[in-house]
């Protein structure tokens, strides 16, 4: 399982995923909550993936692109489950 797949699983299993992501209608609020969830997960796992954490925190363009790709994966998997 690669980093993206692991994060998608962690996002979907996050305690606030349903409440703060799936149940929010406002797209801007939804994206903001999604970004906060990702950051929370990455910060909590930073000791496991030190190089990734440094890249994620230090490079805004990488962070935005990575979050966008995760958003697409999570949305796709969520729609497949419905």
Protein backbone atom coordinates (compact mmCIF):
# COMPACT_ATOMS: atom_id res chain seq x y z
CA UNK A 1 0.00 0.00 0.00
CA UNK A 2 1.49 3.36 -1.01
CA UNK A 3 1.29 6.65 0.90
CA UNK A 4 -1.81 7.86 -0.96
CA UNK A 5 -3.71 4.63 -0.42
CA UNK A 6 -2.76 4.62 3.25
CA UNK A 7 -3.89 8.22 3.66
CA UNK A 8 -7.18 7.59 1.86
CA UNK A 9 -7.88 4.76 4.29
CA UNK A 10 -6.91 6.94 7.27
CA UNK A 11 -9.10 9.78 6.02
CA UNK A 12 -12.10 7.53 5.59
CA UNK A 13 -11.56 6.02 9.04
CA UNK A 14 -10.99 9.41 10.71
CA UNK A 15 -13.42 10.10 13.54
CA UNK A 16 -14.74 13.29 11.89
CA UNK A 17 -14.87 12.10 8.26
CA UNK A 18 -18.63 11.61 8.04
CA UNK A 19 -19.51 14.70 10.01
CA UNK A 20 -16.93 17.14 8.64
CA UNK A 21 -16.64 15.90 5.07
CA UNK A 22 -19.46 13.74 3.80
CA UNK A 23 -22.24 15.72 5.47
CA UNK A 24 -21.10 19.22 4.50
CA UNK A 25 -22.92 20.77 1.55
CA UNK A 26 -20.77 23.93 1.21
CA UNK A 27 -17.88 23.04 -1.12
CA UNK A 28 -15.44 25.56 0.36
CA UNK A 29 -16.06 24.39 3.93
CA UNK A 30 -15.82 20.79 2.79
CA UNK A 31 -12.40 21.36 1.19
CA UNK A 32 -11.17 23.24 4.25
CA UNK A 33 -12.22 20.40 6.57
CA UNK A 34 -10.63 17.89 4.19
CA UNK A 35 -7.33 19.80 4.29
CA UNK A 36 -7.45 20.01 8.09
CA UNK A 37 -8.08 16.27 8.34
CA UNK A 38 -5.14 15.48 6.04
CA UNK A 39 -2.81 17.77 7.97
CA UNK A 40 -3.89 16.24 11.28
CA UNK A 41 -3.21 12.72 9.99
CA UNK A 42 0.15 13.62 8.45
CA UNK A 43 1.33 15.47 11.56
CA UNK A 44 0.32 12.55 13.79
CA UNK A 45 2.22 10.09 11.55
CA UNK A 46 5.24 12.28 10.88
CA UNK A 47 7.65 9.98 12.71
CA UNK A 48 6.82 7.12 10.35
CA UNK A 49 7.24 9.14 7.14
CA UNK A 50 9.78 11.85 8.02
CA UNK A 51 10.85 12.63 4.43
CA UNK A 52 7.26 12.85 3.23
CA UNK A 53 6.31 15.05 6.19
CA UNK A 54 9.16 17.48 5.46
CA UNK A 55 8.17 17.68 1.78
CA UNK A 56 4.48 18.11 2.62
CA UNK A 57 5.04 20.85 5.20
CA UNK A 58 7.82 22.66 3.30
CA UNK A 59 6.40 22.78 -0.23
CA UNK A 60 3.03 24.49 -0.68
CA UNK A 61 2.69 23.42 -4.31
CA UNK A 62 3.34 19.79 -3.42
CA UNK A 63 0.88 20.05 -0.54
CA UNK A 64 -1.89 21.46 -2.74
CA UNK A 65 -1.32 18.93 -5.52
CA UNK A 66 -1.18 16.04 -3.07
CA UNK A 67 -4.37 17.14 -1.30
CA UNK A 68 -6.12 17.54 -4.64
CA UNK A 69 -5.21 14.01 -5.72
CA UNK A 70 -6.36 12.64 -2.34
CA UNK A 71 -9.62 14.54 -2.67
CA UNK A 72 -10.25 12.92 -6.04
CA UNK A 73 -9.45 9.45 -4.65
CA UNK A 74 -11.66 9.87 -1.59
CA UNK A 75 -14.54 11.24 -3.66
CA UNK A 76 -14.24 8.38 -6.14
CA UNK A 77 -14.19 5.73 -3.42
CA UNK A 78 -17.06 7.39 -1.56
CA UNK A 79 -19.21 7.49 -4.68
CA UNK A 80 -18.43 3.82 -5.43
CA UNK A 81 -19.70 2.84 -1.97
CA UNK A 82 -23.07 4.58 -2.46
